[in-house]
Amino acid sequence: MPHIPLDENLPGITGLLSYRQDTALPIRQLTQILLRGESTLTEGERELIATVTSQGNQCRFCTAAHTAVADVLLGERETAEMVKNNPEHAPVSAKMKQLLEIARRTQADARTVSLELVEKARAAGATDLEIHDTVLIAALFCLYNKYVDGLATVTPTDPAFYDRLANILKTSGYMPSPNRYASLNETK
């Protein structure tokens, strides 16, 4: 049960963004820039960064949501699971493996993102902007994970909920729109 009154039809961060719309707008804008804006990283790769960060923070809502979004964007369900559970054997590039390690280190203790780790990412082909954005996405998702869990938001257990949310985020991105989440609680 959430610690504050939230719309029960808007689980996880969706309810929090609805609760405080003045703070939601800059949160949404930054998320849109980082996860859907111009980048040499694909949208799927950026969602993988959000996924591993959320997994490291044990945020069930964000892990499930961003795993589902990564799955939709990548067109399959194996990569996100492997990135979370067996990253060395995940079917991602050497560059992405290094960036995901930077994301994990940022999540666990950002002071462990060493020059050596950054140089490994560069050697694997990562640009300084990709390294920057990886750290910023991981830091941002640490905030989201703590926001969601700190206020004990509702976390659905039905995978179909996350599939519906993933399709909304794939199609509409992270900016607000009227009736944005109307289809979230539909039963199929």
Protein backbone atom coordinates (compact mmCIF):
# COMPACT_ATOMS: atom_id res chain seq x y z
CA MET A 1 0.00 0.00 0.00
CA PRO A 2 1.46 3.39 -0.97
CA HIS A 3 2.57 5.72 1.79
CA ILE A 4 0.62 8.63 0.25
CA PRO A 5 -2.72 8.68 -1.60
CA LEU A 6 -2.05 7.75 -5.24
CA ASP A 7 -4.35 6.84 -8.10
CA GLU A 8 -4.69 3.06 -7.74
CA ASN A 9 -5.03 2.74 -11.52
CA LEU A 10 -1.54 4.22 -12.02
CA PRO A 11 1.05 1.89 -10.48
CA GLY A 12 4.72 2.62 -9.97
CA ILE A 13 6.11 5.91 -11.18
CA THR A 14 3.00 6.62 -13.26
CA GLY A 15 1.02 7.36 -10.10
CA LEU A 16 3.81 9.53 -8.70
CA LEU A 17 4.04 11.56 -11.89
CA SER A 18 0.30 12.09 -11.80
CA TYR A 19 0.41 13.07 -8.11
CA ARG A 20 2.89 15.92 -8.57
CA GLN A 21 2.65 17.14 -12.14
CA ASP A 22 4.84 20.21 -11.64
CA THR A 23 7.82 17.99 -10.80
CA ALA A 24 6.72 15.35 -13.31
CA LEU A 25 7.29 17.58 -16.32
CA PRO A 26 11.06 18.08 -15.90
CA ILE A 27 11.43 14.41 -14.95
CA ARG A 28 9.62 13.40 -18.14
CA GLN A 29 11.58 15.88 -20.26
CA LEU A 30 14.95 14.58 -19.06
CA THR A 31 13.84 10.98 -19.52
CA GLN A 32 12.61 11.74 -23.04
CA ILE A 33 15.94 13.36 -23.96
CA LEU A 34 18.03 10.53 -22.54
CA LEU A 35 15.96 7.53 -23.63
CA ARG A 36 14.32 8.76 -26.83
CA GLY A 37 16.39 11.74 -27.97
CA GLU A 38 19.15 11.72 -30.56
CA SER A 39 21.91 9.30 -29.62
CA THR A 40 24.37 6.90 -31.16
CA LEU A 41 22.97 4.34 -28.70
CA THR A 42 19.73 2.75 -29.81
CA GLU A 43 16.58 3.22 -27.77
CA GLY A 44 16.79 -0.47 -26.87
CA GLU A 45 20.35 -0.09 -25.61
CA ARG A 46 19.37 2.87 -23.47
CA GLU A 47 16.46 0.89 -22.03
CA LEU A 48 18.94 -1.89 -21.17
CA ILE A 49 20.91 0.66 -19.11
CA ALA A 50 17.69 1.56 -17.27
CA THR A 51 16.95 -2.14 -16.78
CA VAL A 52 20.31 -3.12 -15.26
CA THR A 53 20.27 -0.07 -13.00
CA SER A 54 16.77 -0.89 -11.75
CA GLN A 55 17.70 -4.55 -11.30
CA GLY A 56 20.74 -3.54 -9.24
CA ASN A 57 18.51 -1.39 -7.04
CA GLN A 58 16.01 -4.26 -6.73
CA CYS A 59 13.19 -2.00 -7.88
CA ARG A 60 10.65 -4.53 -9.11
CA PHE A 61 8.39 -2.03 -10.87
CA CYS A 62 11.14 -0.28 -12.84
CA THR A 63 12.97 -3.52 -13.61
CA ALA A 64 9.83 -5.13 -15.00
CA ALA A 65 8.78 -1.99 -16.88
CA HIS A 66 12.11 -1.31 -18.56
CA THR A 67 12.79 -4.97 -19.28
CA ALA A 68 9.46 -5.00 -21.14
CA VAL A 69 10.30 -1.78 -23.01
CA ALA A 70 13.74 -3.14 -23.98
CA ASP A 71 12.09 -6.36 -25.17
CA VAL A 72 9.62 -4.45 -27.36
CA LEU A 73 12.31 -2.20 -28.81
CA LEU A 74 14.73 -5.08 -29.42
CA GLY A 75 11.97 -7.29 -30.82
CA GLU A 76 12.81 -10.25 -28.56
CA ARG A 77 12.88 -11.26 -24.89
CA GLU A 78 16.27 -12.91 -24.41
CA THR A 79 18.71 -9.98 -24.45
CA ALA A 80 17.33 -8.05 -21.48
CA GLU A 81 17.15 -11.21 -19.36
CA MET A 82 20.73 -12.12 -20.25
CA VAL A 83 21.98 -8.58 -19.63
CA LYS A 84 20.44 -8.73 -16.13
CA ASN A 85 21.45 -12.28 -15.24
CA ASN A 86 24.41 -13.33 -17.38
CA PRO A 87 25.92 -10.14 -18.82
CA GLU A 88 29.17 -11.70 -20.07
CA HIS A 89 27.20 -13.95 -22.43
CA ALA A 90 24.51 -11.43 -23.40
CA PRO A 91 24.13 -10.86 -27.15
CA VAL A 92 25.27 -7.22 -27.05
CA SER A 93 28.37 -5.57 -28.45
CA ALA A 94 31.64 -5.33 -26.51
CA LYS A 95 30.99 -1.58 -26.28
CA MET A 96 27.55 -2.16 -24.76
CA LYS A 97 28.96 -4.67 -22.26
CA GLN A 98 31.41 -2.01 -21.09
CA LEU A 99 28.70 0.66 -20.89
CA LEU A 100 26.45 -1.68 -18.92
CA GLU A 101 29.31 -2.28 -16.49
CA ILE A 102 29.66 1.48 -16.09
CA ALA A 103 25.90 1.64 -15.40
CA ARG A 104 26.16 -1.14 -12.80
CA ARG A 105 29.07 0.59 -11.10
CA THR A 106 27.23 3.92 -11.14
CA GLN A 107 24.24 2.22 -9.51
CA ALA A 108 26.22 0.37 -6.85
CA ASP A 109 28.85 3.00 -5.99
CA ALA A 110 29.54 5.67 -8.61
CA ARG A 111 33.01 6.23 -7.15
CA THR A 112 33.99 2.85 -8.62
CA VAL A 113 33.58 4.14 -12.17
CA SER A 114 37.32 4.32 -12.69
CA LEU A 115 39.42 5.79 -15.46
CA GLU A 116 40.41 2.22 -16.31
CA LEU A 117 36.75 1.25 -16.77
CA VAL A 118 36.14 4.35 -18.93
CA GLU A 119 39.23 3.54 -21.02
CA LYS A 120 37.95 -0.01 -21.56
CA ALA A 121 34.67 1.44 -22.82
CA ARG A 122 36.53 3.82 -25.14
CA ALA A 123 38.70 0.97 -26.41
CA ALA A 124 35.49 -0.95 -27.19
CA GLY A 125 34.25 2.02 -29.25
CA ALA A 126 32.25 4.09 -26.75
CA THR A 127 32.28 7.83 -27.25
CA ASP A 128 32.58 10.32 -24.42
CA LEU A 129 28.93 11.30 -24.98
CA GLU A 130 27.83 7.64 -24.71
CA ILE A 131 29.82 7.29 -21.48
CA HIS A 132 28.29 10.52 -20.15
CA ASP A 133 24.77 9.47 -21.04
CA THR A 134 25.25 5.99 -19.56
CA VAL A 135 26.23 7.49 -16.21
CA LEU A 136 23.40 10.02 -16.36
CA ILE A 137 20.78 7.38 -17.27
CA ALA A 138 22.00 5.13 -14.43
CA ALA A 139 22.00 8.03 -11.96
CA LEU A 140 18.53 9.10 -13.09
CA PHE A 141 17.16 5.60 -12.68
CA CYS A 142 18.64 5.39 -9.19
CA LEU A 143 16.47 8.42 -8.42
CA TYR A 144 13.40 6.81 -10.04
CA ASN A 145 13.96 3.50 -8.25
CA LYS A 146 14.19 5.21 -4.87
CA TYR A 147 11.20 7.43 -5.68
CA VAL A 148 9.04 4.41 -6.56
CA ASP A 149 10.15 2.23 -3.66
CA GLY A 150 10.46 5.03 -1.10
CA LEU A 151 6.76 5.81 -1.45
CA ALA A 152 5.80 2.12 -1.71
CA THR A 153 3.96 2.49 -5.00
CA VAL A 154 1.83 -0.35 -6.32
CA THR A 155 3.78 -2.96 -8.29
CA PRO A 156 1.62 -5.10 -10.59
CA THR A 157 2.51 -8.78 -10.85
CA ASP A 158 0.77 -9.41 -14.19
CA PRO A 159 3.33 -9.39 -17.04
CA ALA A 160 0.57 -8.20 -19.41
CA PHE A 161 0.50 -4.87 -17.54
CA TYR A 162 4.18 -4.28 -18.34
CA ASP A 163 3.66 -5.31 -21.97
CA ARG A 164 0.91 -2.68 -22.29
CA LEU A 165 3.12 -0.06 -20.60
CA ALA A 166 6.04 -0.98 -22.88
CA ASN A 167 3.93 -0.43 -25.97
CA ILE A 168 2.79 2.97 -24.69
CA LEU A 169 6.40 4.01 -24.01
CA LYS A 170 7.58 2.68 -27.38
CA THR A 171 4.86 4.52 -29.26
CA SER A 172 4.52 7.72 -27.22
CA GLY A 173 7.81 8.09 -25.39
CA TYR A 174 7.96 9.67 -21.96
CA MET A 175 6.16 12.99 -22.43
CA PRO A 176 2.62 13.49 -21.07
CA SER A 177 -0.45 13.25 -23.25
CA PRO A 178 -4.20 13.10 -22.57
CA ASN A 179 -5.41 9.66 -21.50
CA ARG A 180 -1.84 8.42 -21.79
CA TYR A 181 -2.34 5.45 -19.50
CA ALA A 182 -6.00 4.69 -20.22
CA SER A 183 -5.14 1.23 -21.54
CA LEU A 184 -2.88 0.18 -18.67
CA ASN A 185 -5.47 -1.58 -16.59
CA GLU A 186 -7.41 -3.20 -19.37
CA THR A 187 -7.78 -6.94 -19.00
CA LYS A 188 -6.99 -8.99 -22.03
